[in-house]
Amino acid sequence: TESFDLPPAAVRLLLDGLSQIAAGNAVSVVPVQAELTTQ
């Protein structure tokens, strides 16, 4: 067992991710500053 605090941003991320997984969607986390190829 481990205990820790989750900041509000992580709580929102976790809730959003769990909701999508519950709906059957695959989930990836991408930093907003990530650079994407044109494809």
Full PDB file with SEQRES, HELIX, SHEET, SSBOND, CRYST1, ORIGX, SCALE, CONECT and MASTER records, all heavy atoms in Angstrom:
SEQRES   1 A   39  THR GLU SER PHE ASP LEU PRO PRO ALA ALA VAL ARG LEU          
SEQRES   2 A   39  LEU LEU ASP GLY LEU SER GLN ILE ALA ALA GLY ASN ALA          
SEQRES   3 A   39  VAL SER VAL VAL PRO VAL GLN ALA GLU LEU THR THR GLN          
HELIX    1 AA1 PRO A    8  ALA A   22  1                                  15    
CRYST1    1.000    1.000    1.000  90.00  90.00  90.00 P 1           1          
ORIGX1      1.000000  0.000000  0.000000        0.00000                         
ORIGX2      0.000000  1.000000  0.000000        0.00000                         
ORIGX3      0.000000  0.000000  1.000000        0.00000                         
SCALE1      1.000000  0.000000  0.000000        0.00000                         
SCALE2      0.000000  1.000000  0.000000        0.00000                         
SCALE3      0.000000  0.000000  1.000000        0.00000                         
ATOM      1  N   THR A   1       0.832  -1.205   0.000  1.00  0.00           N  
ATOM      2  CA  THR A   1       0.000   0.000   0.000  1.00  0.00           C  
ATOM      3  C   THR A   1       0.864   1.252   0.000  1.00  0.00           C  
ATOM      4  O   THR A   1       1.883   1.318   0.685  1.00  0.00           O  
ATOM      5  CB  THR A   1      -0.917   0.018   1.245  1.00  0.00           C  
ATOM      6  OG1 THR A   1      -1.748  -1.137   1.200  1.00  0.00           O  
ATOM      7  CG2 THR A   1      -1.786   1.249   1.279  1.00  0.00           C  
ATOM      8  N   GLU A   2       0.468   2.226  -0.788  1.00  0.00           N  
ATOM      9  CA  GLU A   2       1.099   3.540  -0.831  1.00  0.00           C  
ATOM     10  C   GLU A   2      -0.004   4.584  -0.724  1.00  0.00           C  
ATOM     11  O   GLU A   2      -1.117   4.362  -1.194  1.00  0.00           O  
ATOM     12  CB  GLU A   2       1.833   3.754  -2.166  1.00  0.00           C  
ATOM     13  CG  GLU A   2       3.024   2.864  -2.388  1.00  0.00           C  
ATOM     14  CD  GLU A   2       4.265   3.308  -1.639  1.00  0.00           C  
ATOM     15  OE1 GLU A   2       4.331   4.504  -1.256  1.00  0.00           O  
ATOM     16  OE2 GLU A   2       5.154   2.476  -1.414  1.00  0.00           O  
ATOM     17  N   SER A   3       0.295   5.711  -0.117  1.00  0.00           N  
ATOM     18  CA  SER A   3      -0.668   6.808  -0.097  1.00  0.00           C  
ATOM     19  C   SER A   3       0.020   8.072  -0.594  1.00  0.00           C  
ATOM     20  O   SER A   3       1.224   8.264  -0.397  1.00  0.00           O  
ATOM     21  CB  SER A   3      -1.248   7.006   1.301  1.00  0.00           C  
ATOM     22  OG  SER A   3      -0.244   7.375   2.205  1.00  0.00           O  
ATOM     23  N   PHE A   4      -0.755   8.916  -1.271  1.00  0.00           N  
ATOM     24  CA  PHE A   4      -0.216  10.129  -1.878  1.00  0.00           C  
ATOM     25  C   PHE A   4      -1.364  11.069  -2.197  1.00  0.00           C  
ATOM     26  O   PHE A   4      -2.527  10.671  -2.177  1.00  0.00           O  
ATOM     27  CB  PHE A   4       0.584   9.800  -3.149  1.00  0.00           C  
ATOM     28  CG  PHE A   4      -0.186   8.945  -4.116  1.00  0.00           C  
ATOM     29  CD1 PHE A   4      -0.958   9.517  -5.119  1.00  0.00           C  
ATOM     30  CD2 PHE A   4      -0.155   7.560  -4.017  1.00  0.00           C  
ATOM     31  CE1 PHE A   4      -1.686   8.725  -6.004  1.00  0.00           C  
ATOM     32  CE2 PHE A   4      -0.868   6.756  -4.904  1.00  0.00           C  
ATOM     33  CZ  PHE A   4      -1.637   7.347  -5.899  1.00  0.00           C  
ATOM     34  N   ASP A   5      -1.032  12.313  -2.493  1.00  0.00           N  
ATOM     35  CA  ASP A   5      -2.021  13.311  -2.893  1.00  0.00           C  
ATOM     36  C   ASP A   5      -1.979  13.502  -4.394  1.00  0.00           C  
ATOM     37  O   ASP A   5      -0.892  13.543  -4.990  1.00  0.00           O  
ATOM     38  CB  ASP A   5      -1.748  14.650  -2.212  1.00  0.00           C  
ATOM     39  CG  ASP A   5      -1.996  14.596  -0.714  1.00  0.00           C  
ATOM     40  OD1 ASP A   5      -2.872  13.801  -0.300  1.00  0.00           O  
ATOM     41  OD2 ASP A   5      -1.327  15.332   0.029  1.00  0.00           O  
ATOM     42  N   LEU A   6      -3.146  13.621  -5.000  1.00  0.00           N  
ATOM     43  CA  LEU A   6      -3.259  13.938  -6.424  1.00  0.00           C  
ATOM     44  C   LEU A   6      -3.683  15.393  -6.547  1.00  0.00           C  
ATOM     45  O   LEU A   6      -4.696  15.785  -5.960  1.00  0.00           O  
ATOM     46  CB  LEU A   6      -4.318  13.070  -7.103  1.00  0.00           C  
ATOM     47  CG  LEU A   6      -3.951  11.667  -7.516  1.00  0.00           C  
ATOM     48  CD1 LEU A   6      -5.150  10.984  -8.163  1.00  0.00           C  
ATOM     49  CD2 LEU A   6      -2.782  11.659  -8.475  1.00  0.00           C  
ATOM     50  N   PRO A   7      -2.951  16.198  -7.316  1.00  0.00           N  
ATOM     51  CA  PRO A   7      -3.377  17.586  -7.521  1.00  0.00           C  
ATOM     52  C   PRO A   7      -4.650  17.624  -8.383  1.00  0.00           C  
ATOM     53  O   PRO A   7      -4.953  16.658  -9.089  1.00  0.00           O  
ATOM     54  CB  PRO A   7      -2.192  18.217  -8.251  1.00  0.00           C  
ATOM     55  CG  PRO A   7      -1.460  17.086  -8.859  1.00  0.00           C  
ATOM     56  CD  PRO A   7      -1.704  15.884  -7.996  1.00  0.00           C  
ATOM     57  N   PRO A   8      -5.390  18.725  -8.329  1.00  0.00           N  
ATOM     58  CA  PRO A   8      -6.646  18.817  -9.093  1.00  0.00           C  
ATOM     59  C   PRO A   8      -6.498  18.497 -10.577  1.00  0.00           C  
ATOM     60  O   PRO A   8      -7.361  17.828 -11.152  1.00  0.00           O  
ATOM     61  CB  PRO A   8      -7.078  20.273  -8.881  1.00  0.00           C  
ATOM     62  CG  PRO A   8      -6.494  20.636  -7.560  1.00  0.00           C  
ATOM     63  CD  PRO A   8      -5.182  19.911  -7.496  1.00  0.00           C  
ATOM     64  N   ALA A   9      -5.403  18.930 -11.204  1.00  0.00           N  
ATOM     65  CA  ALA A   9      -5.210  18.645 -12.634  1.00  0.00           C  
ATOM     66  C   ALA A   9      -5.129  17.140 -12.878  1.00  0.00           C  
ATOM     67  O   ALA A   9      -5.668  16.623 -13.864  1.00  0.00           O  
ATOM     68  CB  ALA A   9      -3.954  19.331 -13.159  1.00  0.00           C  
ATOM     69  N   ALA A  10      -4.472  16.410 -11.988  1.00  0.00           N  
ATOM     70  CA  ALA A  10      -4.352  14.954 -12.136  1.00  0.00           C  
ATOM     71  C   ALA A  10      -5.692  14.279 -11.865  1.00  0.00           C  
ATOM     72  O   ALA A  10      -6.019  13.272 -12.503  1.00  0.00           O  
ATOM     73  CB  ALA A  10      -3.283  14.407 -11.192  1.00  0.00           C  
ATOM     74  N   VAL A  11      -6.483  14.821 -10.935  1.00  0.00           N  
ATOM     75  CA  VAL A  11      -7.814  14.264 -10.668  1.00  0.00           C  
ATOM     76  C   VAL A  11      -8.685  14.405 -11.914  1.00  0.00           C  
ATOM     77  O   VAL A  11      -9.349  13.453 -12.340  1.00  0.00           O  
ATOM     78  CB  VAL A  11      -8.477  14.954  -9.450  1.00  0.00           C  
ATOM     79  CG1 VAL A  11      -9.925  14.501  -9.291  1.00  0.00           C  
ATOM     80  CG2 VAL A  11      -7.690  14.674  -8.175  1.00  0.00           C  
ATOM     81  N   ARG A  12      -8.658  15.593 -12.547  1.00  0.00           N  
ATOM     82  CA  ARG A  12      -9.439  15.810 -13.781  1.00  0.00           C  
ATOM     83  C   ARG A  12      -8.979  14.860 -14.878  1.00  0.00           C  
ATOM     84  O   ARG A  12      -9.793  14.247 -15.571  1.00  0.00           O  
ATOM     85  CB  ARG A  12      -9.302  17.256 -14.241  1.00  0.00           C  
ATOM     86  CG  ARG A  12     -10.052  18.251 -13.387  1.00  0.00           C  
ATOM     87  CD  ARG A  12     -10.065  19.646 -14.007  1.00  0.00           C  
ATOM     88  NE  ARG A  12      -8.742  20.200 -14.228  1.00  0.00           N  
ATOM     89  CZ  ARG A  12      -8.062  20.903 -13.328  1.00  0.00           C  
ATOM     90  NH1 ARG A  12      -8.584  21.137 -12.134  1.00  0.00           N  
ATOM     91  NH2 ARG A  12      -6.864  21.376 -13.607  1.00  0.00           N  
ATOM     92  N   LEU A  13      -7.669  14.726 -15.025  1.00  0.00           N  
ATOM     93  CA  LEU A  13      -7.102  13.837 -16.042  1.00  0.00           C  
ATOM     94  C   LEU A  13      -7.537  12.395 -15.797  1.00  0.00           C  
ATOM     95  O   LEU A  13      -7.971  11.696 -16.720  1.00  0.00           O  
ATOM     96  CB  LEU A  13      -5.578  13.943 -16.035  1.00  0.00           C  
ATOM     97  CG  LEU A  13      -4.827  13.070 -17.019  1.00  0.00           C  
ATOM     98  CD1 LEU A  13      -5.100  13.522 -18.445  1.00  0.00           C  
ATOM     99  CD2 LEU A  13      -3.344  13.116 -16.727  1.00  0.00           C  
ATOM    100  N   LEU A  14      -7.450  11.965 -14.547  1.00  0.00           N  
ATOM    101  CA  LEU A  14      -7.833  10.597 -14.193  1.00  0.00           C  
ATOM    102  C   LEU A  14      -9.318  10.357 -14.443  1.00  0.00           C  
ATOM    103  O   LEU A  14      -9.703   9.340 -15.026  1.00  0.00           O  
ATOM    104  CB  LEU A  14      -7.474  10.331 -12.731  1.00  0.00           C  
ATOM    105  CG  LEU A  14      -7.687   8.914 -12.213  1.00  0.00           C  
ATOM    106  CD1 LEU A  14      -6.926   7.894 -13.045  1.00  0.00           C  
ATOM    107  CD2 LEU A  14      -7.262   8.825 -10.753  1.00  0.00           C  
ATOM    108  N   LEU A  15     -10.164  11.294 -14.023  1.00  0.00           N  
ATOM    109  CA  LEU A  15     -11.609  11.137 -14.243  1.00  0.00           C  
ATOM    110  C   LEU A  15     -11.948  11.108 -15.737  1.00  0.00           C  
ATOM    111  O   LEU A  15     -12.746  10.280 -16.179  1.00  0.00           O  
ATOM    112  CB  LEU A  15     -12.382  12.255 -13.544  1.00  0.00           C  
ATOM    113  CG  LEU A  15     -12.550  12.086 -12.046  1.00  0.00           C  
ATOM    114  CD1 LEU A  15     -13.061  13.379 -11.415  1.00  0.00           C  
ATOM    115  CD2 LEU A  15     -13.479  10.938 -11.723  1.00  0.00           C  
ATOM    116  N   ASP A  16     -11.342  12.007 -16.506  1.00  0.00           N  
ATOM    117  CA  ASP A  16     -11.592  12.029 -17.947  1.00  0.00           C  
ATOM    118  C   ASP A  16     -11.121  10.733 -18.608  1.00  0.00           C  
ATOM    119  O   ASP A  16     -11.817  10.150 -19.443  1.00  0.00           O  
ATOM    120  CB  ASP A  16     -10.898  13.219 -18.614  1.00  0.00           C  
ATOM    121  CG  ASP A  16     -11.534  14.551 -18.248  1.00  0.00           C  
ATOM    122  OD1 ASP A  16     -12.662  14.552 -17.711  1.00  0.00           O  
ATOM    123  OD2 ASP A  16     -10.891  15.589 -18.489  1.00  0.00           O  
ATOM    124  N   GLY A  17      -9.930  10.282 -18.227  1.00  0.00           N  
ATOM    125  CA  GLY A  17      -9.393   9.040 -18.790  1.00  0.00           C  
ATOM    126  C   GLY A  17     -10.245   7.840 -18.441  1.00  0.00           C  
ATOM    127  O   GLY A  17     -10.545   6.999 -19.292  1.00  0.00           O  
ATOM    128  N   LEU A  18     -10.657   7.746 -17.182  1.00  0.00           N  
ATOM    129  CA  LEU A  18     -11.515   6.625 -16.762  1.00  0.00           C  
ATOM    130  C   LEU A  18     -12.849   6.639 -17.495  1.00  0.00           C  
ATOM    131  O   LEU A  18     -13.366   5.588 -17.885  1.00  0.00           O  
ATOM    132  CB  LEU A  18     -11.742   6.666 -15.247  1.00  0.00           C  
ATOM    133  CG  LEU A  18     -10.553   6.247 -14.384  1.00  0.00           C  
ATOM    134  CD1 LEU A  18     -10.828   6.572 -12.920  1.00  0.00           C  
ATOM    135  CD2 LEU A  18     -10.247   4.767 -14.554  1.00  0.00           C  
ATOM    136  N   SER A  19     -13.407   7.812 -17.697  1.00  0.00           N  
ATOM    137  CA  SER A  19     -14.686   7.917 -18.430  1.00  0.00           C  
ATOM    138  C   SER A  19     -14.539   7.405 -19.859  1.00  0.00           C  
ATOM    139  O   SER A  19     -15.416   6.715 -20.376  1.00  0.00           O  
ATOM    140  CB  SER A  19     -15.177   9.364 -18.452  1.00  0.00           C  
ATOM    141  OG  SER A  19     -15.477   9.791 -17.159  1.00  0.00           O  
ATOM    142  N   GLN A  20     -13.428   7.758 -20.485  1.00  0.00           N  
ATOM    143  CA  GLN A  20     -13.214   7.300 -21.863  1.00  0.00           C  
ATOM    144  C   GLN A  20     -12.971   5.796 -21.924  1.00  0.00           C  
ATOM    145  O   GLN A  20     -13.484   5.109 -22.806  1.00  0.00           O  
ATOM    146  CB  GLN A  20     -12.041   8.073 -22.495  1.00  0.00           C  
ATOM    147  CG  GLN A  20     -12.364   9.518 -22.751  1.00  0.00           C  
ATOM    148  CD  GLN A  20     -13.553   9.686 -23.671  1.00  0.00           C  
ATOM    149  OE1 GLN A  20     -13.690   8.999 -24.688  1.00  0.00           O  
ATOM    150  NE2 GLN A  20     -14.427  10.612 -23.331  1.00  0.00           N  
ATOM    151  N   ILE A  21     -12.205   5.268 -20.986  1.00  0.00           N  
ATOM    152  CA  ILE A  21     -11.960   3.821 -20.942  1.00  0.00           C  
ATOM    153  C   ILE A  21     -13.271   3.087 -20.690  1.00  0.00           C  
ATOM    154  O   ILE A  21     -13.554   2.065 -21.315  1.00  0.00           O  
ATOM    155  CB  ILE A  21     -10.903   3.474 -19.876  1.00  0.00           C  
ATOM    156  CG1 ILE A  21      -9.538   4.020 -20.307  1.00  0.00           C  
ATOM    157  CG2 ILE A  21     -10.823   1.968 -19.633  1.00  0.00           C  
ATOM    158  CD1 ILE A  21      -8.481   3.977 -19.222  1.00  0.00           C  
ATOM    159  N   ALA A  22     -14.106   3.627 -19.790  1.00  0.00           N  
ATOM    160  CA  ALA A  22     -15.403   3.014 -19.507  1.00  0.00           C  
ATOM    161  C   ALA A  22     -16.279   2.968 -20.753  1.00  0.00           C  
ATOM    162  O   ALA A  22     -17.086   2.054 -20.922  1.00  0.00           O  
ATOM    163  CB  ALA A  22     -16.114   3.784 -18.390  1.00  0.00           C  
ATOM    164  N   ALA A  23     -16.096   3.933 -21.650  1.00  0.00           N  
ATOM    165  CA  ALA A  23     -16.866   3.970 -22.895  1.00  0.00           C  
ATOM    166  C   ALA A  23     -16.236   3.104 -23.985  1.00  0.00           C  
ATOM    167  O   ALA A  23     -16.755   3.024 -25.097  1.00  0.00           O  
ATOM    168  CB  ALA A  23     -16.988   5.413 -23.383  1.00  0.00           C  
ATOM    169  N   GLY A  24     -15.103   2.472 -23.671  1.00  0.00           N  
ATOM    170  CA  GLY A  24     -14.466   1.575 -24.645  1.00  0.00           C  
ATOM    171  C   GLY A  24     -13.441   2.242 -25.536  1.00  0.00           C  
ATOM    172  O   GLY A  24     -12.994   1.657 -26.517  1.00  0.00           O  
ATOM    173  N   ASN A  25     -13.074   3.478 -25.215  1.00  0.00           N  
ATOM    174  CA  ASN A  25     -12.105   4.205 -26.035  1.00  0.00           C  
ATOM    175  C   ASN A  25     -10.686   4.002 -25.526  1.00  0.00           C  
ATOM    176  O   ASN A  25     -10.451   3.957 -24.323  1.00  0.00           O  
ATOM    177  CB  ASN A  25     -12.419   5.706 -26.018  1.00  0.00           C  
ATOM    178  CG  ASN A  25     -13.751   6.000 -26.652  1.00  0.00           C  
ATOM    179  OD1 ASN A  25     -14.107   5.413 -27.658  1.00  0.00           O  
ATOM    180  ND2 ASN A  25     -14.496   6.908 -26.056  1.00  0.00           N  
ATOM    181  N   ALA A  26      -9.745   3.921 -26.460  1.00  0.00           N  
ATOM    182  CA  ALA A  26      -8.329   3.908 -26.094  1.00  0.00           C  
ATOM    183  C   ALA A  26      -7.938   5.328 -25.725  1.00  0.00           C  
ATOM    184  O   ALA A  26      -8.467   6.290 -26.270  1.00  0.00           O  
ATOM    185  CB  ALA A  26      -7.490   3.419 -27.269  1.00  0.00           C  
ATOM    186  N   VAL A  27      -7.023   5.481 -24.781  1.00  0.00           N  
ATOM    187  CA  VAL A  27      -6.639   6.795 -24.288  1.00  0.00           C  
ATOM    188  C   VAL A  27      -5.124   6.947 -24.335  1.00  0.00           C  
ATOM    189  O   VAL A  27      -4.399   6.040 -23.940  1.00  0.00           O  
ATOM    190  CB  VAL A  27      -7.125   6.985 -22.826  1.00  0.00           C  
ATOM    191  CG1 VAL A  27      -6.656   8.314 -22.263  1.00  0.00           C  
ATOM    192  CG2 VAL A  27      -8.635   6.868 -22.743  1.00  0.00           C  
ATOM    193  N   SER A  28      -4.685   8.107 -24.824  1.00  0.00           N  
ATOM    194  CA  SER A  28      -3.272   8.478 -24.789  1.00  0.00           C  
ATOM    195  C   SER A  28      -3.179   9.843 -24.147  1.00  0.00           C  
ATOM    196  O   SER A  28      -4.056  10.671 -24.324  1.00  0.00           O  
ATOM    197  CB  SER A  28      -2.689   8.587 -26.203  1.00  0.00           C  
ATOM    198  OG  SER A  28      -2.643   7.337 -26.822  1.00  0.00           O  
ATOM    199  N   VAL A  29      -2.109  10.095 -23.431  1.00  0.00           N  
ATOM    200  CA  VAL A  29      -1.868  11.410 -22.858  1.00  0.00           C  
ATOM    201  C   VAL A  29      -0.767  12.052 -23.685  1.00  0.00           C  
ATOM    202  O   VAL A  29       0.291  11.461 -23.881  1.00  0.00           O  
ATOM    203  CB  VAL A  29      -1.451  11.305 -21.375  1.00  0.00           C  
ATOM    204  CG1 VAL A  29      -1.129  12.677 -20.817  1.00  0.00           C  
ATOM    205  CG2 VAL A  29      -2.555  10.629 -20.574  1.00  0.00           C  
ATOM    206  N   VAL A  30      -1.046  13.259 -24.193  1.00  0.00           N  
ATOM    207  CA  VAL A  30      -0.089  13.968 -25.034  1.00  0.00           C  
ATOM    208  C   VAL A  30       0.145  15.348 -24.426  1.00  0.00           C  
ATOM    209  O   VAL A  30      -0.813  16.088 -24.208  1.00  0.00           O  
ATOM    210  CB  VAL A  30      -0.640  14.138 -26.475  1.00  0.00           C  
ATOM    211  CG1 VAL A  30       0.333  14.923 -27.332  1.00  0.00           C  
ATOM    212  CG2 VAL A  30      -0.945  12.788 -27.098  1.00  0.00           C  
ATOM    213  N   PRO A  31       1.395  15.712 -24.128  1.00  0.00           N  
ATOM    214  CA  PRO A  31       1.649  17.063 -23.629  1.00  0.00           C  
ATOM    215  C   PRO A  31       1.232  18.099 -24.658  1.00  0.00           C  
ATOM    216  O   PRO A  31       1.403  17.898 -25.865  1.00  0.00           O  
ATOM    217  CB  PRO A  31       3.170  17.096 -23.417  1.00  0.00           C  
ATOM    218  CG  PRO A  31       3.591  15.667 -23.398  1.00  0.00           C  
ATOM    219  CD  PRO A  31       2.598  14.903 -24.226  1.00  0.00           C  
ATOM    220  N   VAL A  32       0.680  19.219 -24.202  1.00  0.00           N  
ATOM    221  CA  VAL A  32       0.208  20.260 -25.106  1.00  0.00           C  
ATOM    222  C   VAL A  32       1.352  20.796 -25.962  1.00  0.00           C  
ATOM    223  O   VAL A  32       1.157  21.185 -27.099  1.00  0.00           O  
ATOM    224  CB  VAL A  32      -0.476  21.394 -24.307  1.00  0.00           C  
ATOM    225  CG1 VAL A  32      -0.836  22.561 -25.190  1.00  0.00           C  
ATOM    226  CG2 VAL A  32      -1.716  20.861 -23.610  1.00  0.00           C  
ATOM    227  N   GLN A  33       2.577  20.776 -25.443  1.00  0.00           N  
ATOM    228  CA  GLN A  33       3.725  21.278 -26.198  1.00  0.00           C  
ATOM    229  C   GLN A  33       4.288  20.251 -27.186  1.00  0.00           C  
ATOM    230  O   GLN A  33       5.234  20.554 -27.899  1.00  0.00           O  
ATOM    231  CB  GLN A  33       4.858  21.708 -25.254  1.00  0.00           C  
ATOM    232  CG  GLN A  33       4.595  23.007 -24.534  1.00  0.00           C  
ATOM    233  CD  GLN A  33       3.607  22.860 -23.383  1.00  0.00           C  
ATOM    234  OE1 GLN A  33       3.433  21.781 -22.836  1.00  0.00           O  
ATOM    235  NE2 GLN A  33       2.946  23.940 -23.027  1.00  0.00           N  
ATOM    236  N   ALA A  34       3.714  19.065 -27.236  1.00  0.00           N  
ATOM    237  CA  ALA A  34       4.233  18.042 -28.145  1.00  0.00           C  
ATOM    238  C   ALA A  34       4.170  18.530 -29.584  1.00  0.00           C  
ATOM    239  O   ALA A  34       3.251  19.243 -29.971  1.00  0.00           O  
ATOM    240  CB  ALA A  34       3.433  16.754 -28.001  1.00  0.00           C  
ATOM    241  N   GLU A  35       5.160  18.131 -30.353  1.00  0.00           N  
ATOM    242  CA  GLU A  35       5.193  18.481 -31.765  1.00  0.00           C  
ATOM    243  C   GLU A  35       4.793  17.262 -32.577  1.00  0.00           C  
ATOM    244  O   GLU A  35       5.292  16.158 -32.366  1.00  0.00           O  
ATOM    245  CB  GLU A  35       6.587  18.961 -32.168  1.00  0.00           C  
ATOM    246  CG  GLU A  35       6.951  20.273 -31.516  1.00  0.00           C  
ATOM    247  CD  GLU A  35       8.296  20.799 -31.967  1.00  0.00           C  
ATOM    248  OE1 GLU A  35       9.037  20.069 -32.665  1.00  0.00           O  
ATOM    249  OE2 GLU A  35       8.602  21.943 -31.624  1.00  0.00           O  
ATOM    250  N   LEU A  36       3.886  17.490 -33.514  1.00  0.00           N  
ATOM    251  CA  LEU A  36       3.344  16.410 -34.327  1.00  0.00           C  
ATOM    252  C   LEU A  36       3.827  16.522 -35.763  1.00  0.00           C  
ATOM    253  O   LEU A  36       4.033  17.631 -36.270  1.00  0.00           O  
ATOM    254  CB  LEU A  36       1.812  16.472 -34.320  1.00  0.00           C  
ATOM    255  CG  LEU A  36       1.128  16.480 -32.958  1.00  0.00           C  
ATOM    256  CD1 LEU A  36      -0.360  16.746 -33.130  1.00  0.00           C  
ATOM    257  CD2 LEU A  36       1.362  15.174 -32.238  1.00  0.00           C  
ATOM    258  N   THR A  37       3.963  15.387 -36.414  1.00  0.00           N  
ATOM    259  CA  THR A  37       4.223  15.396 -37.849  1.00  0.00           C  
ATOM    260  C   THR A  37       2.928  15.803 -38.548  1.00  0.00           C  
ATOM    261  O   THR A  37       1.848  15.780 -37.947  1.00  0.00           O  
ATOM    262  CB  THR A  37       4.649  14.006 -38.355  1.00  0.00           C  
ATOM    263  OG1 THR A  37       3.548  13.098 -38.202  1.00  0.00           O  
ATOM    264  CG2 THR A  37       5.866  13.487 -37.598  1.00  0.00           C  
ATOM    265  N   THR A  38       3.031  16.138 -39.819  1.00  0.00           N  
ATOM    266  CA  THR A  38       1.825  16.506 -40.555  1.00  0.00           C  
ATOM    267  C   THR A  38       0.869  15.318 -40.664  1.00  0.00           C  
ATOM    268  O   THR A  38      -0.345  15.496 -40.633  1.00  0.00           O  
ATOM    269  CB  THR A  38       2.171  17.039 -41.956  1.00  0.00           C  
ATOM    270  OG1 THR A  38       3.003  16.086 -42.627  1.00  0.00           O  
ATOM    271  CG2 THR A  38       2.876  18.383 -41.862  1.00  0.00           C  
ATOM    272  N   GLN A  39       1.402  14.127 -40.742  1.00  0.00           N  
ATOM    273  CA  GLN A  39       0.536  12.937 -40.814  1.00  0.00           C  
ATOM    274  C   GLN A  39      -0.222  12.750 -39.491  1.00  0.00           C  
ATOM    275  O   GLN A  39      -1.418  12.449 -39.492  1.00  0.00           O  
ATOM    276  CB  GLN A  39       1.367  11.689 -41.134  1.00  0.00           C  
ATOM    277  CG  GLN A  39       0.522  10.461 -41.420  1.00  0.00           C  
ATOM    278  CD  GLN A  39      -0.349  10.647 -42.659  1.00  0.00           C  
ATOM    279  OE1 GLN A  39       0.136  11.027 -43.716  1.00  0.00           O  
ATOM    280  NE2 GLN A  39      -1.637  10.400 -42.532  1.00  0.00           N  
TER     281      GLN A  39                                                      
MASTER        0    0    0    1    0    0    0    6  280    1    0    3          
END                                                                             
